């Protein structure tokens, strides 16, 4: 049975950040906590969002780490309670938006955050009591602004997913002007995250034709414009296209993801300093080669359809094309260039097998399969 659901209100265009106060009022927020990070504040992007709030009362938490943690969720909750806020506005990349989602749960639900993790059977425990959230992305990558999930490193060190339709932001304001100052390497890394989402969700075996169409269109947009956006950060047309690709990847990944994300979630937990989008980019070629042998990939000509979307003749060329675009964008040549060593492989595999994306791959990987993918990505 296909289960298809898309829920939220999205605004995509230069200047839509100015709608922020109106969106707060529309969903009933009187004093939001603005969740962001120090980099967004230092770049002056936070000021644009706060300016759009005008004289609306608000508070700010800018302590989001590069990979959100349960400890940071607790710190944000203390500000939320002390300032008597009634909802959330996340201004930043996927980390800020995911931290806000973690806070939306923690502030309204009892117990440790891991209680509500997907692999702990916690999704059904996340209720409509979650705090209302508006998302204002400042990167084009994770798509968390339209997604039902969040990734948070919990107190025991695991990087876990939290999934519920109640976590979908009530409104998403996608303003390419807010991504203008993103450095080239971060533009490339977050853009490859969006491309990874479009690829993995299209390859996932669940039946969802609308998601497949959205993913392929998002892939085509992302592939065609990521190098333009990376070369010229002021190219607002390319920035708009990358925000769309990011949004579309997340709209589609309700189908499920796969081994790329199983590995990157796990390795990101082992070393939280590693960038998620960069890891996805590095893992993609090896995972594409592994997935090529899946029955559903062959039966439905998935690789050939991917090749067509990115202008290639044959599905057998996709993995090499991903390796080549990574090189052109300045992505690391492999895991070794990021400081990853073979002695970490078993820990990474432990996390990958337990990850919520492991079972939604078109081909279920064994431990040895994961070991070979890690070796090929080294």
Protein backbone atom coordinates (compact mmCIF):
# COMPACT_ATOMS: atom_id res chain seq x y z
CA UNK A 1 0.00 0.00 0.00
CA UNK A 2 1.34 3.42 -0.90
CA UNK A 3 1.08 6.04 1.86
CA UNK A 4 1.51 9.56 0.46
CA UNK A 5 1.35 12.72 2.52
CA UNK A 6 2.66 16.28 2.00
CA UNK A 7 1.97 18.82 4.70
CA UNK A 8 3.16 22.38 5.07
CA UNK A 9 3.05 25.88 3.65
CA UNK A 10 6.12 26.91 1.65
CA UNK A 11 7.23 30.29 0.32
CA UNK A 12 10.17 30.30 -2.12
CA UNK A 13 11.50 33.55 -3.55
CA UNK A 14 13.93 36.36 -2.80
CA UNK A 15 12.64 38.52 0.04
CA UNK A 16 10.17 36.04 1.57
CA UNK A 17 11.90 36.37 4.95
CA UNK A 18 9.84 39.56 5.25
CA UNK A 19 6.78 37.34 5.68
CA UNK A 20 8.12 36.03 8.99
CA UNK A 21 6.08 38.18 11.35
CA UNK A 22 2.90 37.52 9.41
CA UNK A 23 3.55 33.77 9.52
CA UNK A 24 4.14 33.94 13.28
CA UNK A 25 0.82 35.70 13.70
CA UNK A 26 -0.92 33.27 11.36
CA UNK A 27 0.00 30.26 13.48
CA UNK A 28 -0.55 32.09 16.78
CA UNK A 29 2.97 32.83 18.03
CA UNK A 30 3.25 35.84 20.31
CA UNK A 31 6.84 35.40 21.53
CA UNK A 32 8.96 32.95 19.55
CA UNK A 33 12.39 31.64 20.49
CA UNK A 34 14.65 32.12 17.47
CA UNK A 35 17.00 29.13 17.23
CA UNK A 36 20.19 29.77 15.27
CA UNK A 37 23.96 29.42 15.47
CA UNK A 38 26.87 31.78 16.04
CA UNK A 39 27.91 31.70 12.37
CA UNK A 40 24.50 32.82 11.12
CA UNK A 41 24.54 35.64 13.67
CA UNK A 42 28.09 36.70 12.75
CA UNK A 43 27.23 36.73 9.04
CA UNK A 44 24.41 39.21 9.65
CA UNK A 45 21.76 36.79 8.38
CA UNK A 46 20.05 36.58 11.77
CA UNK A 47 19.60 40.36 11.72
CA UNK A 48 17.51 40.07 8.55
CA UNK A 49 15.16 37.61 10.22
CA UNK A 50 14.93 39.63 13.42
CA UNK A 51 14.29 42.75 11.34
CA UNK A 52 11.36 40.98 9.73
CA UNK A 53 9.91 40.33 13.20
CA UNK A 54 9.86 44.08 13.84
CA UNK A 55 8.74 44.86 17.38
CA UNK A 56 7.33 41.37 17.99
CA UNK A 57 8.70 40.09 21.33
CA UNK A 58 11.22 37.29 20.89
CA UNK A 59 14.28 35.63 22.40
CA UNK A 60 17.35 34.16 20.71
CA UNK A 61 19.33 30.95 21.25
CA UNK A 62 22.48 30.94 19.11
CA UNK A 63 24.28 27.94 20.62
CA UNK A 64 23.47 25.36 17.96
CA UNK A 65 26.54 23.15 17.31
CA UNK A 66 27.46 21.88 13.85
CA UNK A 67 25.76 18.58 14.72
CA UNK A 68 22.86 19.22 17.14
CA UNK A 69 23.11 17.45 20.48
CA UNK A 70 20.74 16.63 23.30
CA UNK A 71 22.84 18.87 25.56
CA UNK A 72 22.24 21.80 23.20
CA UNK A 73 18.52 20.99 23.16
CA UNK A 74 18.51 21.28 26.97
CA UNK A 75 20.37 24.60 26.81
CA UNK A 76 17.83 25.97 24.34
CA UNK A 77 14.99 24.69 26.53
CA UNK A 78 16.33 26.70 29.46
CA UNK A 79 16.19 29.88 27.37
CA UNK A 80 12.72 28.98 26.10
CA UNK A 81 11.41 28.53 29.64
CA UNK A 82 13.19 31.55 31.14
CA UNK A 83 11.90 33.85 28.40
CA UNK A 84 8.36 32.39 28.51
CA UNK A 85 8.28 31.78 24.76
CA UNK A 86 5.38 30.04 23.03
CA UNK A 87 6.90 28.68 19.82
CA UNK A 88 9.99 28.45 17.65
CA UNK A 89 11.56 30.07 14.62
CA UNK A 90 14.64 28.25 13.29
CA UNK A 91 17.01 30.42 11.25
CA UNK A 92 19.98 28.49 9.89
CA UNK A 93 21.01 25.27 8.23
CA UNK A 94 19.76 21.80 8.99
CA UNK A 95 21.48 21.80 12.38
CA UNK A 96 19.47 24.75 13.70
CA UNK A 97 16.22 23.42 12.27
CA UNK A 98 16.85 19.93 13.67
CA UNK A 99 17.80 21.33 17.07
CA UNK A 100 14.54 23.29 17.07
CA UNK A 101 12.65 20.08 16.30
CA UNK A 102 14.43 18.35 19.18
CA UNK A 103 13.41 21.23 21.42
CA UNK A 104 9.83 21.04 20.10
CA UNK A 105 9.73 17.49 21.49
CA UNK A 106 11.74 17.98 24.68
CA UNK A 107 9.81 21.04 25.86
CA UNK A 108 6.46 19.25 25.64
CA UNK A 109 7.20 15.57 26.28
CA UNK A 110 8.56 13.82 29.37
CA UNK A 111 11.67 11.67 29.55
CA UNK A 112 15.01 11.49 27.78
CA UNK A 113 15.04 12.54 24.14
CA UNK A 114 16.09 9.07 22.97
CA UNK A 115 12.67 7.83 24.14
CA UNK A 116 11.24 9.44 21.00
CA UNK A 117 13.85 8.21 18.50
CA UNK A 118 12.59 6.21 15.54
CA UNK A 119 14.79 3.16 16.15
CA UNK A 120 13.63 3.12 19.79
CA UNK A 121 10.02 2.89 18.66
CA UNK A 122 9.43 6.47 19.72
CA UNK A 123 7.77 7.99 16.65
CA UNK A 124 4.26 7.13 17.84
CA UNK A 125 5.01 8.82 21.18
CA UNK A 126 5.55 12.22 19.52
CA UNK A 127 2.21 13.97 19.80
CA UNK A 128 0.50 17.11 18.58
CA UNK A 129 1.77 18.81 21.75
CA UNK A 130 5.09 19.62 20.02
CA UNK A 131 5.92 23.31 19.87
CA UNK A 132 4.88 25.09 16.68
CA UNK A 133 7.85 25.80 14.41
CA UNK A 134 8.62 28.08 11.48
CA UNK A 135 11.76 27.25 9.50
CA UNK A 136 13.93 29.77 7.65
CA UNK A 137 16.80 27.86 5.98
CA UNK A 138 20.08 29.63 5.29
CA UNK A 139 21.63 26.71 3.38
CA UNK A 140 20.34 24.66 0.46
CA UNK A 141 20.93 21.10 1.56
CA UNK A 142 19.08 19.25 4.28
CA UNK A 143 15.53 20.27 3.41
CA UNK A 144 14.65 19.96 7.10
CA UNK A 145 12.34 22.96 6.64
CA UNK A 146 9.76 20.72 4.95
CA UNK A 147 10.61 17.36 6.52
CA UNK A 148 9.03 15.32 9.29
CA UNK A 149 12.38 14.22 10.71
CA UNK A 150 15.35 15.51 12.68
CA UNK A 151 18.77 14.10 13.50
CA UNK A 152 20.19 14.70 16.98
CA UNK A 153 23.17 13.21 18.84
CA UNK A 154 21.71 11.98 22.12
CA UNK A 155 23.50 11.77 25.45
CA UNK A 156 24.79 8.23 24.87
CA UNK A 157 26.64 9.38 21.72
CA UNK A 158 24.33 7.88 19.10
CA UNK A 159 23.21 10.04 16.18
CA UNK A 160 19.50 9.23 16.04
CA UNK A 161 16.56 10.12 13.83
CA UNK A 162 13.26 11.45 15.14
CA UNK A 163 10.26 11.23 12.81
CA UNK A 164 6.69 12.43 13.13
CA UNK A 165 4.27 14.40 10.98
CA UNK A 166 3.84 16.65 14.02
CA UNK A 167 7.46 17.81 13.51
CA UNK A 168 6.88 19.27 10.05
CA UNK A 169 7.34 23.07 10.37
CA UNK A 170 4.08 24.98 10.12
CA UNK A 171 5.68 27.30 7.59
CA UNK A 172 8.89 27.32 5.54
CA UNK A 173 10.35 30.59 4.22
CA UNK A 174 12.94 29.78 1.53
CA UNK A 175 14.72 33.03 0.70
CA UNK A 176 17.74 32.62 -1.63
CA UNK A 177 19.02 36.01 -0.45
CA UNK A 178 19.78 34.40 2.91
CA UNK A 179 22.13 31.90 1.23
CA UNK A 180 24.10 34.59 -0.63
CA UNK A 181 26.99 34.69 1.85
CA UNK A 182 27.45 30.92 2.08
CA UNK A 183 31.12 30.09 1.31
CA UNK A 184 31.81 28.07 -1.86
CA UNK A 185 32.84 24.84 -0.11
CA UNK A 186 29.77 24.91 2.15
CA UNK A 187 27.56 25.71 -0.86
CA UNK A 188 28.99 22.63 -2.57
CA UNK A 189 28.72 20.36 0.48
CA UNK A 190 25.13 21.32 1.31
CA UNK A 191 24.21 21.12 -2.37
CA UNK A 192 25.56 17.57 -2.55
CA UNK A 193 23.43 16.77 0.49
CA UNK A 194 20.35 17.84 -1.48
CA UNK A 195 21.48 15.78 -4.48
CA UNK A 196 22.06 12.77 -2.21
CA UNK A 197 18.51 13.08 -0.86
CA UNK A 198 17.05 13.18 -4.36
CA UNK A 199 19.12 10.18 -5.45
CA UNK A 200 18.59 7.99 -2.41
CA UNK A 201 14.88 8.59 -2.10
CA UNK A 202 14.39 7.85 -5.82
CA UNK A 203 16.27 4.57 -5.39
CA UNK A 204 14.31 3.56 -2.26
CA UNK A 205 11.90 0.71 -3.09
CA UNK A 206 8.74 2.10 -1.43
CA UNK A 207 5.88 2.88 -3.81
CA UNK A 208 5.34 6.64 -4.07
CA UNK A 209 5.15 7.92 -7.67
CA UNK A 210 4.70 11.61 -6.68
CA UNK A 211 7.83 11.41 -4.53
CA UNK A 212 9.73 9.80 -7.41
CA UNK A 213 8.75 12.63 -9.73
CA UNK A 214 9.65 15.30 -7.19
CA UNK A 215 13.01 13.63 -6.51
CA UNK A 216 13.97 13.37 -10.19
CA UNK A 217 13.02 16.99 -10.85
CA UNK A 218 14.96 18.09 -7.77
CA UNK A 219 17.96 16.05 -8.90
CA UNK A 220 17.86 17.68 -12.33
CA UNK A 221 17.72 21.18 -10.79
CA UNK A 222 20.47 20.47 -8.29
CA UNK A 223 22.82 18.83 -10.80
CA UNK A 224 22.36 21.65 -13.32
CA UNK A 225 22.97 24.50 -10.86
CA UNK A 226 25.27 23.35 -8.04
CA UNK A 227 28.46 24.35 -9.87
CA UNK A 228 27.01 27.76 -10.79
CA UNK A 229 25.97 28.43 -7.20
CA UNK A 230 29.39 27.31 -5.95
CA UNK A 231 31.32 29.47 -8.44
CA UNK A 232 29.20 32.60 -7.95
CA UNK A 233 27.42 32.97 -4.64
CA UNK A 234 25.58 36.03 -5.97
CA UNK A 235 23.86 34.05 -8.72
CA UNK A 236 20.36 34.24 -7.27
CA UNK A 237 18.85 32.11 -10.02
CA UNK A 238 21.22 29.25 -9.16
CA UNK A 239 20.64 29.82 -5.44
CA UNK A 240 16.87 29.63 -6.00
CA UNK A 241 17.26 26.37 -7.93
CA UNK A 242 19.41 24.84 -5.17
CA UNK A 243 16.86 25.79 -2.50
CA UNK A 244 14.20 24.12 -4.62
CA UNK A 245 16.33 20.99 -5.04
CA UNK A 246 16.87 20.89 -1.27
CA UNK A 247 13.17 21.29 -0.56
CA UNK A 248 12.24 18.65 -3.14
CA UNK A 249 14.72 16.11 -1.80
CA UNK A 250 13.17 16.42 1.63
CA UNK A 251 9.61 16.35 0.33
CA UNK A 252 10.49 13.08 -1.39
CA UNK A 253 12.54 11.35 1.29
CA UNK A 254 9.46 10.32 3.20
CA UNK A 255 9.92 7.26 0.90
CA UNK A 256 13.08 6.40 2.78
CA UNK A 257 16.80 6.80 2.17
CA UNK A 258 19.52 4.16 2.24
CA UNK A 259 23.14 3.19 2.76
CA UNK A 260 24.56 6.66 2.07
CA UNK A 261 22.68 8.02 5.05
CA UNK A 262 23.13 4.93 7.22
CA UNK A 263 26.87 5.42 6.85
CA UNK A 264 26.95 9.19 7.15
CA UNK A 265 24.66 9.23 10.20
CA UNK A 266 26.85 6.63 11.88
CA UNK A 267 30.16 8.26 11.02
CA UNK A 268 28.77 11.66 12.01
CA UNK A 269 28.06 10.19 15.44
CA UNK A 270 31.57 8.71 15.69
CA UNK A 271 33.09 12.07 14.71
CA UNK A 272 30.59 14.96 15.04
CA UNK A 273 33.07 17.38 13.43
CA UNK A 274 32.53 15.78 10.01
CA UNK A 275 30.04 17.57 7.76
CA UNK A 276 26.99 15.49 6.87
CA UNK A 277 26.66 16.71 3.28
CA UNK A 278 30.35 16.13 2.62
CA UNK A 279 30.07 12.58 3.92
CA UNK A 280 27.06 11.95 1.69
CA UNK A 281 29.02 13.19 -1.33
CA UNK A 282 31.95 10.89 -0.55
CA UNK A 283 29.76 7.82 0.01
CA UNK A 284 27.52 8.26 -3.04
CA UNK A 285 29.70 6.62 -5.75
CA UNK A 286 30.27 3.41 -3.76
CA UNK A 287 26.62 3.16 -2.72
CA UNK A 288 25.39 3.72 -6.29
CA UNK A 289 27.57 0.83 -7.44
CA UNK A 290 26.25 -1.35 -4.61
CA UNK A 291 22.60 -0.47 -5.33
CA UNK A 292 22.98 -1.23 -9.03
CA UNK A 293 22.52 -4.91 -8.24
CA UNK A 294 19.15 -4.45 -6.53
CA UNK A 295 16.20 -6.12 -8.26
CA UNK A 296 14.02 -3.00 -8.04
CA UNK A 297 16.78 -0.88 -9.59
CA UNK A 298 17.01 -3.24 -12.55
CA UNK A 299 13.29 -3.86 -12.97
CA UNK A 300 12.34 -0.19 -12.91
CA UNK A 301 15.44 1.05 -14.78
CA UNK A 302 16.16 3.40 -11.90
CA UNK A 303 19.79 4.06 -12.77
CA UNK A 304 18.92 4.77 -16.40
CA UNK A 305 16.26 7.27 -15.32
CA UNK A 306 18.79 8.93 -12.99
CA UNK A 307 21.27 9.10 -15.87
CA UNK A 308 18.66 10.75 -18.10
CA UNK A 309 17.92 13.38 -15.41
CA UNK A 310 21.57 14.43 -15.21
CA UNK A 311 22.33 14.23 -18.91
CA UNK A 312 24.19 10.93 -19.13
CA UNK A 313 23.84 8.21 -21.74
CA UNK A 314 23.93 5.20 -19.44
CA UNK A 315 23.13 4.31 -15.85
CA UNK A 316 26.56 2.69 -15.61
CA UNK A 317 28.06 6.20 -15.88
CA UNK A 318 26.31 7.61 -12.77
CA UNK A 319 28.85 6.58 -10.12
CA UNK A 320 31.77 7.98 -12.09
CA UNK A 321 29.85 11.20 -12.79
CA UNK A 322 29.32 11.64 -9.04
CA UNK A 323 33.02 11.10 -8.39
CA UNK A 324 33.84 13.68 -11.07
CA UNK A 325 31.44 16.35 -9.84
CA UNK A 326 32.78 15.90 -6.31
CA UNK A 327 36.27 16.62 -7.66
CA UNK A 328 35.11 19.70 -9.59
CA UNK A 329 33.39 21.04 -6.48
CA UNK A 330 36.45 20.54 -4.30
CA UNK A 331 34.99 17.80 -2.15
CA UNK A 332 37.51 15.55 -0.32
CA UNK A 333 38.88 12.75 -2.49
CA UNK A 334 37.80 10.21 0.12
CA UNK A 335 37.35 9.42 3.78
CA UNK A 336 41.10 9.30 4.41
CA UNK A 337 41.36 12.96 3.41
CA UNK A 338 38.83 13.67 6.20
CA UNK A 339 40.89 11.84 8.80
CA UNK A 340 38.85 8.61 8.80
CA UNK A 341 40.91 5.46 9.36
CA UNK A 342 40.16 1.75 9.00
CA UNK A 343 40.21 1.21 12.76
CA UNK A 344 36.87 3.09 12.89
CA UNK A 345 35.15 0.81 10.37
CA UNK A 346 33.54 -1.59 12.86
CA UNK A 347 32.07 1.25 14.92
CA UNK A 348 30.73 2.87 11.75
CA UNK A 349 29.21 -0.42 10.61
CA UNK A 350 27.59 -0.97 14.02
CA UNK A 351 25.82 2.37 13.69
CA UNK A 352 24.92 1.90 10.03
CA UNK A 353 23.20 -1.44 10.64
CA UNK A 354 21.17 0.12 13.48
CA UNK A 355 20.30 3.30 11.57
CA UNK A 356 16.69 3.97 10.54
CA UNK A 357 17.79 4.33 6.88
CA UNK A 358 19.34 0.85 6.74
CA UNK A 359 16.10 -1.03 6.00
CA UNK A 360 14.76 1.39 3.37
CA UNK A 361 17.64 0.81 0.95
CA UNK A 362 16.81 -0.92 -2.37
CA UNK A 363 19.40 -3.53 -1.40
CA UNK A 364 19.89 -4.42 2.27
CA UNK A 365 23.58 -4.30 3.10
CA UNK A 366 25.39 -6.87 5.20
CA UNK A 367 28.25 -5.91 7.47
CA UNK A 368 30.65 -7.05 4.80
CA UNK A 369 28.83 -4.94 2.20
CA UNK A 370 29.22 -1.87 4.41
CA UNK A 371 32.88 -2.73 4.94
CA UNK A 372 33.42 -2.83 1.18
CA UNK A 373 31.62 0.49 0.70
CA UNK A 374 33.80 2.08 3.37
CA UNK A 375 36.92 0.65 1.75
CA UNK A 376 35.84 1.95 -1.66
CA UNK A 377 35.18 5.40 -0.15
CA UNK A 378 38.47 5.59 1.72
